[in-house]
């Protein structure tokens, strides 16, 4: 079943292959729950390509308000540790 809240592209750039994944929350509970769901889905997609969060280059996070962004950012920080700590954009 296709996840309509997720977009995945495999692109060639500077002689390398990159996997681009964009994912939206599913409006379940609060921003922390949505972010956990996003990371579960993204981790599964990366696994299909033989990858993990350790190979992530960048993550971006948008939210409806500051409180939601802070909640989601706290969850993201728990996933992006060690080798999985990607460059991050604070938008």
PDB file of N, CA and C in Angstrom:
ATOM      1  N   UNK A   1       0.831  -1.180   0.000  1.00  0.00           N
ATOM      2  CA  UNK A   1       0.000   0.000   0.000  1.00  0.00           C
ATOM      3  C   UNK A   1       0.881   1.251   0.000  1.00  0.00           C
ATOM      4  N   UNK A   2       0.610   2.179  -0.868  1.00  0.00           N
ATOM      5  CA  UNK A   2       1.392   3.403  -0.970  1.00  0.00           C
ATOM      6  C   UNK A   2       1.019   4.356   0.158  1.00  0.00           C
ATOM      7  N   UNK A   3       2.041   4.932   0.770  1.00  0.00           N
ATOM      8  CA  UNK A   3       1.857   5.911   1.840  1.00  0.00           C
ATOM      9  C   UNK A   3       1.692   7.278   1.187  1.00  0.00           C
ATOM     10  N   UNK A   4       0.462   7.824   1.180  1.00  0.00           N
ATOM     11  CA  UNK A   4       0.228   9.091   0.483  1.00  0.00           C
ATOM     12  C   UNK A   4       0.844  10.284   1.187  1.00  0.00           C
ATOM     13  N   UNK A   5       1.255  10.126   2.448  1.00  0.00           N
ATOM     14  CA  UNK A   5       1.904  11.206   3.176  1.00  0.00           C
ATOM     15  C   UNK A   5       3.406  11.185   3.037  1.00  0.00           C
ATOM     16  N   UNK A   6       3.912  10.321   2.143  1.00  0.00           N
ATOM     17  CA  UNK A   6       5.351  10.190   1.970  1.00  0.00           C
ATOM     18  C   UNK A   6       5.714  10.248   0.494  1.00  0.00           C
ATOM     19  N   UNK A   7       6.849  10.886   0.221  1.00  0.00           N
ATOM     20  CA  UNK A   7       7.379  10.946  -1.140  1.00  0.00           C
ATOM     21  C   UNK A   7       8.828  10.479  -1.094  1.00  0.00           C
ATOM     22  N   UNK A   8       9.189   9.579  -1.984  1.00  0.00           N
ATOM     23  CA  UNK A   8      10.559   9.087  -2.059  1.00  0.00           C
ATOM     24  C   UNK A   8      11.044   9.179  -3.493  1.00  0.00           C
ATOM     25  N   UNK A   9      12.229   9.731  -3.666  1.00  0.00           N
ATOM     26  CA  UNK A   9      12.858   9.809  -4.976  1.00  0.00           C
ATOM     27  C   UNK A   9      14.296   9.324  -4.848  1.00  0.00           C
ATOM     28  N   UNK A  10      14.778   8.654  -5.866  1.00  0.00           N
ATOM     29  CA  UNK A  10      16.187   8.282  -5.939  1.00  0.00           C
ATOM     30  C   UNK A  10      16.776   9.092  -7.081  1.00  0.00           C
ATOM     31  N   UNK A  11      17.769   9.898  -6.759  1.00  0.00           N
ATOM     32  CA  UNK A  11      18.344  10.819  -7.733  1.00  0.00           C
ATOM     33  C   UNK A  11      19.851  10.623  -7.834  1.00  0.00           C
ATOM     34  N   UNK A  12      20.383  10.933  -9.005  1.00  0.00           N
ATOM     35  CA  UNK A  12      21.825  10.925  -9.235  1.00  0.00           C
ATOM     36  C   UNK A  12      22.317  12.358  -9.165  1.00  0.00           C
ATOM     37  N   UNK A  13      23.374  12.579  -8.398  1.00  0.00           N
ATOM     38  CA  UNK A  13      23.943  13.916  -8.279  1.00  0.00           C
ATOM     39  C   UNK A  13      25.414  13.788  -7.940  1.00  0.00           C
ATOM     40  N   UNK A  14      26.226  14.558  -8.571  1.00  0.00           N
ATOM     41  CA  UNK A  14      27.693  14.571  -8.423  1.00  0.00           C
ATOM     42  C   UNK A  14      28.290  13.165  -8.404  1.00  0.00           C
ATOM     43  N   UNK A  15      27.768  12.330  -9.280  1.00  0.00           N
ATOM     44  CA  UNK A  15      28.290  10.978  -9.431  1.00  0.00           C
ATOM     45  C   UNK A  15      27.875  10.010  -8.344  1.00  0.00           C
ATOM     46  N   UNK A  16      26.897  10.368  -7.547  1.00  0.00           N
ATOM     47  CA  UNK A  16      26.429   9.500  -6.465  1.00  0.00           C
ATOM     48  C   UNK A  16      24.910   9.376  -6.507  1.00  0.00           C
ATOM     49  N   UNK A  17      24.419   8.329  -5.860  1.00  0.00           N
ATOM     50  CA  UNK A  17      22.986   8.115  -5.765  1.00  0.00           C
ATOM     51  C   UNK A  17      22.495   8.596  -4.401  1.00  0.00           C
ATOM     52  N   UNK A  18      21.419   9.376  -4.408  1.00  0.00           N
ATOM     53  CA  UNK A  18      20.819   9.900  -3.183  1.00  0.00           C
ATOM     54  C   UNK A  18      19.360   9.479  -3.108  1.00  0.00           C
ATOM     55  N   UNK A  19      18.902   9.184  -1.917  1.00  0.00           N
ATOM     56  CA  UNK A  19      17.492   8.876  -1.670  1.00  0.00           C
ATOM     57  C   UNK A  19      16.908  10.074  -0.942  1.00  0.00           C
ATOM     58  N   UNK A  20      15.891  10.678  -1.536  1.00  0.00           N
ATOM     59  CA  UNK A  20      15.202  11.832  -0.957  1.00  0.00           C
ATOM     60  C   UNK A  20      13.862  11.349  -0.429  1.00  0.00           C
ATOM     61  N   UNK A  21      13.604  11.570   0.847  1.00  0.00           N
ATOM     62  CA  UNK A  21      12.332  11.173   1.444  1.00  0.00           C
ATOM     63  C   UNK A  21      11.703  12.387   2.110  1.00  0.00           C
ATOM     64  N   UNK A  22      10.447  12.634   1.785  1.00  0.00           N
ATOM     65  CA  UNK A  22       9.656  13.683   2.414  1.00  0.00           C
ATOM     66  C   UNK A  22       8.451  13.009   3.045  1.00  0.00           C
ATOM     67  N   UNK A  23       8.162  13.349   4.299  1.00  0.00           N
ATOM     68  CA  UNK A  23       7.101  12.651   5.003  1.00  0.00           C
ATOM     69  C   UNK A  23       6.304  13.630   5.862  1.00  0.00           C
ATOM     70  N   UNK A  24       4.983  13.468   5.887  1.00  0.00           N
ATOM     71  CA  UNK A  24       4.101  14.304   6.695  1.00  0.00           C
ATOM     72  C   UNK A  24       3.524  13.498   7.844  1.00  0.00           C
ATOM     73  N   UNK A  25       3.237  14.197   8.958  1.00  0.00           N
ATOM     74  CA  UNK A  25       2.577  13.555  10.085  1.00  0.00           C
ATOM     75  C   UNK A  25       1.163  13.154   9.719  1.00  0.00           C
ATOM     76  N   UNK A  26       0.605  12.243  10.488  1.00  0.00           N
ATOM     77  CA  UNK A  26      -0.736  11.725  10.199  1.00  0.00           C
ATOM     78  C   UNK A  26      -1.816  12.286  11.108  1.00  0.00           C
ATOM     79  N   UNK A  27      -1.567  13.394  11.774  1.00  0.00           N
ATOM     80  CA  UNK A  27      -2.554  14.044  12.654  1.00  0.00           C
ATOM     81  C   UNK A  27      -3.107  13.082  13.696  1.00  0.00           C
ATOM     82  N   UNK A  28      -2.197  12.414  14.401  1.00  0.00           N
ATOM     83  CA  UNK A  28      -2.589  11.495  15.470  1.00  0.00           C
ATOM     84  C   UNK A  28      -2.015  11.999  16.787  1.00  0.00           C
ATOM     85  N   UNK A  29      -2.895  12.391  17.679  1.00  0.00           N
ATOM     86  CA  UNK A  29      -2.423  12.837  18.981  1.00  0.00           C
ATOM     87  C   UNK A  29      -1.780  14.203  18.914  1.00  0.00           C
ATOM     88  N   UNK A  30      -0.498  14.255  19.265  1.00  0.00           N
ATOM     89  CA  UNK A  30       0.216  15.526  19.272  1.00  0.00           C
ATOM     90  C   UNK A  30       1.441  15.463  18.368  1.00  0.00           C
ATOM     91  N   UNK A  31       2.196  16.529  18.328  1.00  0.00           N
ATOM     92  CA  UNK A  31       3.351  16.606  17.434  1.00  0.00           C
ATOM     93  C   UNK A  31       4.402  15.553  17.763  1.00  0.00           C
ATOM     94  N   UNK A  32       4.563  15.217  19.033  1.00  0.00           N
ATOM     95  CA  UNK A  32       5.530  14.184  19.412  1.00  0.00           C
ATOM     96  C   UNK A  32       5.126  12.830  18.830  1.00  0.00           C
ATOM     97  N   UNK A  33       3.840  12.478  18.925  1.00  0.00           N
ATOM     98  CA  UNK A  33       3.351  11.217  18.352  1.00  0.00           C
ATOM     99  C   UNK A  33       3.512  11.203  16.838  1.00  0.00           C
ATOM    100  N   UNK A  34       3.219  12.328  16.206  1.00  0.00           N
ATOM    101  CA  UNK A  34       3.355  12.410  14.749  1.00  0.00           C
ATOM    102  C   UNK A  34       4.813  12.224  14.336  1.00  0.00           C
ATOM    103  N   UNK A  35       5.735  12.854  15.074  1.00  0.00           N
ATOM    104  CA  UNK A  35       7.147  12.733  14.726  1.00  0.00           C
ATOM    105  C   UNK A  35       7.650  11.306  14.923  1.00  0.00           C
ATOM    106  N   UNK A  36       7.203  10.630  15.969  1.00  0.00           N
ATOM    107  CA  UNK A  36       7.569   9.223  16.156  1.00  0.00           C
ATOM    108  C   UNK A  36       7.090   8.393  14.968  1.00  0.00           C
ATOM    109  N   UNK A  37       5.858   8.648  14.535  1.00  0.00           N
ATOM    110  CA  UNK A  37       5.325   7.935  13.369  1.00  0.00           C
ATOM    111  C   UNK A  37       6.124   8.219  12.113  1.00  0.00           C
ATOM    112  N   UNK A  38       6.533   9.464  11.928  1.00  0.00           N
ATOM    113  CA  UNK A  38       7.339   9.826  10.762  1.00  0.00           C
ATOM    114  C   UNK A  38       8.659   9.060  10.777  1.00  0.00           C
ATOM    115  N   UNK A  39       9.326   9.053  11.918  1.00  0.00           N
ATOM    116  CA  UNK A  39      10.607   8.346  11.987  1.00  0.00           C
ATOM    117  C   UNK A  39      10.443   6.850  11.773  1.00  0.00           C
ATOM    118  N   UNK A  40       9.359   6.257  12.269  1.00  0.00           N
ATOM    119  CA  UNK A  40       9.107   4.833  12.008  1.00  0.00           C
ATOM    120  C   UNK A  40       8.961   4.581  10.512  1.00  0.00           C
ATOM    121  N   UNK A  41       8.195   5.434   9.837  1.00  0.00           N
ATOM    122  CA  UNK A  41       7.952   5.257   8.406  1.00  0.00           C
ATOM    123  C   UNK A  41       9.219   5.516   7.589  1.00  0.00           C
ATOM    124  N   UNK A  42       9.950   6.572   7.926  1.00  0.00           N
ATOM    125  CA  UNK A  42      11.179   6.893   7.189  1.00  0.00           C
ATOM    126  C   UNK A  42      12.226   5.800   7.400  1.00  0.00           C
ATOM    127  N   UNK A  43      12.349   5.309   8.627  1.00  0.00           N
ATOM    128  CA  UNK A  43      13.303   4.231   8.905  1.00  0.00           C
ATOM    129  C   UNK A  43      12.976   2.993   8.074  1.00  0.00           C
ATOM    130  N   UNK A  44      11.700   2.671   7.953  1.00  0.00           N
ATOM    131  CA  UNK A  44      11.288   1.521   7.133  1.00  0.00           C
ATOM    132  C   UNK A  44      11.639   1.745   5.660  1.00  0.00           C
ATOM    133  N   UNK A  45      11.390   2.952   5.146  1.00  0.00           N
ATOM    134  CA  UNK A  45      11.726   3.259   3.748  1.00  0.00           C
ATOM    135  C   UNK A  45      13.229   3.167   3.506  1.00  0.00           C
ATOM    136  N   UNK A  46      14.004   3.716   4.423  1.00  0.00           N
ATOM    137  CA  UNK A  46      15.461   3.629   4.284  1.00  0.00           C
ATOM    138  C   UNK A  46      15.911   2.172   4.288  1.00  0.00           C
ATOM    139  N   UNK A  47      15.307   1.367   5.150  1.00  0.00           N
ATOM    140  CA  UNK A  47      15.647  -0.052   5.223  1.00  0.00           C
ATOM    141  C   UNK A  47      15.409  -0.776   3.909  1.00  0.00           C
ATOM    142  N   UNK A  48      14.371  -0.377   3.168  1.00  0.00           N
ATOM    143  CA  UNK A  48      14.111  -0.991   1.865  1.00  0.00           C
ATOM    144  C   UNK A  48      15.232  -0.712   0.874  1.00  0.00           C
ATOM    145  N   UNK A  49      15.980   0.351   1.109  1.00  0.00           N
ATOM    146  CA  UNK A  49      17.099   0.708   0.230  1.00  0.00           C
ATOM    147  C   UNK A  49      18.435   0.240   0.810  1.00  0.00           C
ATOM    148  N   UNK A  50      18.386  -0.523   1.906  1.00  0.00           N
ATOM    149  CA  UNK A  50      19.605  -0.993   2.554  1.00  0.00           C
ATOM    150  C   UNK A  50      20.321   0.109   3.328  1.00  0.00           C
ATOM    151  N   UNK A  51      19.571   1.124   3.753  1.00  0.00           N
ATOM    152  CA  UNK A  51      20.136   2.271   4.453  1.00  0.00           C
ATOM    153  C   UNK A  51      19.531   2.406   5.842  1.00  0.00           C
ATOM    154  N   UNK A  52      20.112   3.291   6.633  1.00  0.00           N
ATOM    155  CA  UNK A  52      19.580   3.610   7.955  1.00  0.00           C
ATOM    156  C   UNK A  52      19.742   5.103   8.200  1.00  0.00           C
ATOM    157  N   UNK A  53      19.312   5.558   9.358  1.00  0.00           N
ATOM    158  CA  UNK A  53      19.484   6.964   9.697  1.00  0.00           C
ATOM    159  C   UNK A  53      20.958   7.360   9.751  1.00  0.00           C
ATOM    160  N   UNK A  54      21.848   6.388   9.903  1.00  0.00           N
ATOM    161  CA  UNK A  54      23.289   6.682   9.919  1.00  0.00           C
ATOM    162  C   UNK A  54      23.776   7.285   8.616  1.00  0.00           C
ATOM    163  N   UNK A  55      23.079   7.054   7.516  1.00  0.00           N
ATOM    164  CA  UNK A  55      23.476   7.604   6.217  1.00  0.00           C
ATOM    165  C   UNK A  55      22.712   8.876   5.861  1.00  0.00           C
ATOM    166  N   UNK A  56      21.970   9.429   6.810  1.00  0.00           N
ATOM    167  CA  UNK A  56      21.188  10.634   6.555  1.00  0.00           C
ATOM    168  C   UNK A  56      22.086  11.856   6.476  1.00  0.00           C
ATOM    169  N   UNK A  57      21.832  12.707   5.496  1.00  0.00           N
ATOM    170  CA  UNK A  57      22.608  13.926   5.331  1.00  0.00           C
ATOM    171  C   UNK A  57      21.929  15.100   6.016  1.00  0.00           C
ATOM    172  N   UNK A  58      20.625  15.211   5.870  1.00  0.00           N
ATOM    173  CA  UNK A  58      19.935  16.391   6.388  1.00  0.00           C
ATOM    174  C   UNK A  58      18.501  16.045   6.776  1.00  0.00           C
ATOM    175  N   UNK A  59      18.027  16.656   7.854  1.00  0.00           N
ATOM    176  CA  UNK A  59      16.605  16.570   8.195  1.00  0.00           C
ATOM    177  C   UNK A  59      16.060  17.987   8.316  1.00  0.00           C
ATOM    178  N   UNK A  60      14.801  18.129   7.977  1.00  0.00           N
ATOM    179  CA  UNK A  60      14.121  19.429   8.111  1.00  0.00           C
ATOM    180  C   UNK A  60      12.811  19.189   8.819  1.00  0.00           C
ATOM    181  N   UNK A  61      12.371  20.179   9.544  1.00  0.00           N
ATOM    182  CA  UNK A  61      11.159  20.056  10.335  1.00  0.00           C
ATOM    183  C   UNK A  61      10.347  21.340  10.229  1.00  0.00           C
ATOM    184  N   UNK A  62       9.088  21.176   9.857  1.00  0.00           N
ATOM    185  CA  UNK A  62       8.145  22.303   9.852  1.00  0.00           C
ATOM    186  C   UNK A  62       6.992  21.924  10.771  1.00  0.00           C
ATOM    187  N   UNK A  63       6.440  22.914  11.458  1.00  0.00           N
ATOM    188  CA  UNK A  63       5.310  22.664  12.348  1.00  0.00           C
ATOM    189  C   UNK A  63       4.345  23.845  12.292  1.00  0.00           C
ATOM    190  N   UNK A  64       3.161  23.619  12.805  1.00  0.00           N
ATOM    191  CA  UNK A  64       2.113  24.647  12.777  1.00  0.00           C
ATOM    192  C   UNK A  64       2.372  25.785  13.764  1.00  0.00           C
ATOM    193  N   UNK A  65       3.031  25.474  14.887  1.00  0.00           N
ATOM    194  CA  UNK A  65       3.302  26.501  15.889  1.00  0.00           C
ATOM    195  C   UNK A  65       4.566  26.131  16.672  1.00  0.00           C
ATOM    196  N   UNK A  66       5.027  27.036  17.492  1.00  0.00           N
ATOM    197  CA  UNK A  66       6.278  26.850  18.220  1.00  0.00           C
ATOM    198  C   UNK A  66       6.216  25.667  19.180  1.00  0.00           C
ATOM    199  N   UNK A  67       5.103  25.518  19.893  1.00  0.00           N
ATOM    200  CA  UNK A  67       4.967  24.402  20.833  1.00  0.00           C
ATOM    201  C   UNK A  67       5.080  23.054  20.117  1.00  0.00           C
ATOM    202  N   UNK A  68       4.399  22.919  18.988  1.00  0.00           N
ATOM    203  CA  UNK A  68       4.458  21.672  18.213  1.00  0.00           C
ATOM    204  C   UNK A  68       5.857  21.429  17.674  1.00  0.00           C
ATOM    205  N   UNK A  69       6.505  22.490  17.209  1.00  0.00           N
ATOM    206  CA  UNK A  69       7.858  22.345  16.685  1.00  0.00           C
ATOM    207  C   UNK A  69       8.819  21.884  17.770  1.00  0.00           C
ATOM    208  N   UNK A  70       8.688  22.456  18.966  1.00  0.00           N
ATOM    209  CA  UNK A  70       9.554  22.053  20.076  1.00  0.00           C
ATOM    210  C   UNK A  70       9.334  20.599  20.461  1.00  0.00           C
ATOM    211  N   UNK A  71       8.067  20.164  20.498  1.00  0.00           N
ATOM    212  CA  UNK A  71       7.759  18.765  20.825  1.00  0.00           C
ATOM    213  C   UNK A  71       8.369  17.822  19.793  1.00  0.00           C
ATOM    214  N   UNK A  72       8.171  18.142  18.508  1.00  0.00           N
ATOM    215  CA  UNK A  72       8.696  17.300  17.434  1.00  0.00           C
ATOM    216  C   UNK A  72      10.225  17.321  17.425  1.00  0.00           C
ATOM    217  N   UNK A  73      10.805  18.471  17.693  1.00  0.00           N
ATOM    218  CA  UNK A  73      12.256  18.596  17.710  1.00  0.00           C
ATOM    219  C   UNK A  73      12.871  17.739  18.814  1.00  0.00           C
ATOM    220  N   UNK A  74      12.206  17.656  19.964  1.00  0.00           N
ATOM    221  CA  UNK A  74      12.692  16.804  21.052  1.00  0.00           C
ATOM    222  C   UNK A  74      12.707  15.335  20.644  1.00  0.00           C
ATOM    223  N   UNK A  75      11.670  14.905  19.939  1.00  0.00           N
ATOM    224  CA  UNK A  75      11.611  13.522  19.458  1.00  0.00           C
ATOM    225  C   UNK A  75      12.719  13.291  18.430  1.00  0.00           C
ATOM    226  N   UNK A  76      12.863  14.228  17.496  1.00  0.00           N
ATOM    227  CA  UNK A  76      13.892  14.105  16.462  1.00  0.00           C
ATOM    228  C   UNK A  76      15.276  13.979  17.095  1.00  0.00           C
ATOM    229  N   UNK A  77      15.535  14.742  18.130  1.00  0.00           N
ATOM    230  CA  UNK A  77      16.838  14.690  18.805  1.00  0.00           C
ATOM    231  C   UNK A  77      17.114  13.306  19.376  1.00  0.00           C
ATOM    232  N   UNK A  78      16.074  12.599  19.790  1.00  0.00           N
ATOM    233  CA  UNK A  78      16.246  11.241  20.305  1.00  0.00           C
ATOM    234  C   UNK A  78      16.614  10.230  19.244  1.00  0.00           C
ATOM    235  N   UNK A  79      16.222  10.466  18.018  1.00  0.00           N
ATOM    236  CA  UNK A  79      16.545   9.571  16.902  1.00  0.00           C
ATOM    237  C   UNK A  79      17.883   9.920  16.262  1.00  0.00           C
ATOM    238  N   UNK A  80      18.211  11.189  16.225  1.00  0.00           N
ATOM    239  CA  UNK A  80      19.413  11.649  15.531  1.00  0.00           C
ATOM    240  C   UNK A  80      20.586  11.742  16.505  1.00  0.00           C
ATOM    241  N   UNK A  81      21.099  10.592  16.896  1.00  0.00           N
ATOM    242  CA  UNK A  81      22.235  10.534  17.810  1.00  0.00           C
ATOM    243  C   UNK A  81      23.373   9.747  17.159  1.00  0.00           C
ATOM    244  N   UNK A  82      24.574   9.982  17.606  1.00  0.00           N
ATOM    245  CA  UNK A  82      25.726   9.262  17.085  1.00  0.00           C
ATOM    246  C   UNK A  82      25.887   9.496  15.589  1.00  0.00           C
ATOM    247  N   UNK A  83      26.083   8.421  14.844  1.00  0.00           N
ATOM    248  CA  UNK A  83      26.256   8.495  13.399  1.00  0.00           C
ATOM    249  C   UNK A  83      24.992   8.998  12.691  1.00  0.00           C
ATOM    250  N   UNK A  84      23.853   8.901  13.351  1.00  0.00           N
ATOM    251  CA  UNK A  84      22.593   9.341  12.730  1.00  0.00           C
ATOM    252  C   UNK A  84      22.379  10.838  12.900  1.00  0.00           C
ATOM    253  N   UNK A  85      23.303  11.543  13.502  1.00  0.00           N
ATOM    254  CA  UNK A  85      23.151  12.988  13.694  1.00  0.00           C
ATOM    255  C   UNK A  85      23.452  13.686  12.371  1.00  0.00           C
ATOM    256  N   UNK A  86      22.390  14.008  11.653  1.00  0.00           N
ATOM    257  CA  UNK A  86      22.506  14.664  10.341  1.00  0.00           C
ATOM    258  C   UNK A  86      22.548  16.164  10.506  1.00  0.00           C
ATOM    259  N   UNK A  87      22.908  16.837   9.440  1.00  0.00           N
ATOM    260  CA  UNK A  87      22.782  18.293   9.416  1.00  0.00           C
ATOM    261  C   UNK A  87      21.303  18.615   9.541  1.00  0.00           C
ATOM    262  N   UNK A  88      20.978  19.680  10.197  1.00  0.00           N
ATOM    263  CA  UNK A  88      19.590  20.009  10.447  1.00  0.00           C
ATOM    264  C   UNK A  88      19.327  21.457  10.103  1.00  0.00           C
ATOM    265  N   UNK A  89      18.126  21.703   9.594  1.00  0.00           N
ATOM    266  CA  UNK A  89      17.715  23.053   9.295  1.00  0.00           C
ATOM    267  C   UNK A  89      16.723  23.511  10.333  1.00  0.00           C
ATOM    268  N   UNK A  90      16.955  24.626  10.941  1.00  0.00           N
ATOM    269  CA  UNK A  90      16.040  25.158  11.945  1.00  0.00           C
ATOM    270  C   UNK A  90      15.204  26.249  11.284  1.00  0.00           C
ATOM    271  N   UNK A  91      14.111  25.834  10.666  1.00  0.00           N
ATOM    272  CA  UNK A  91      13.239  26.775   9.953  1.00  0.00           C
ATOM    273  C   UNK A  91      12.178  27.313  10.863  1.00  0.00           C
TER     274      UNK A  91
END
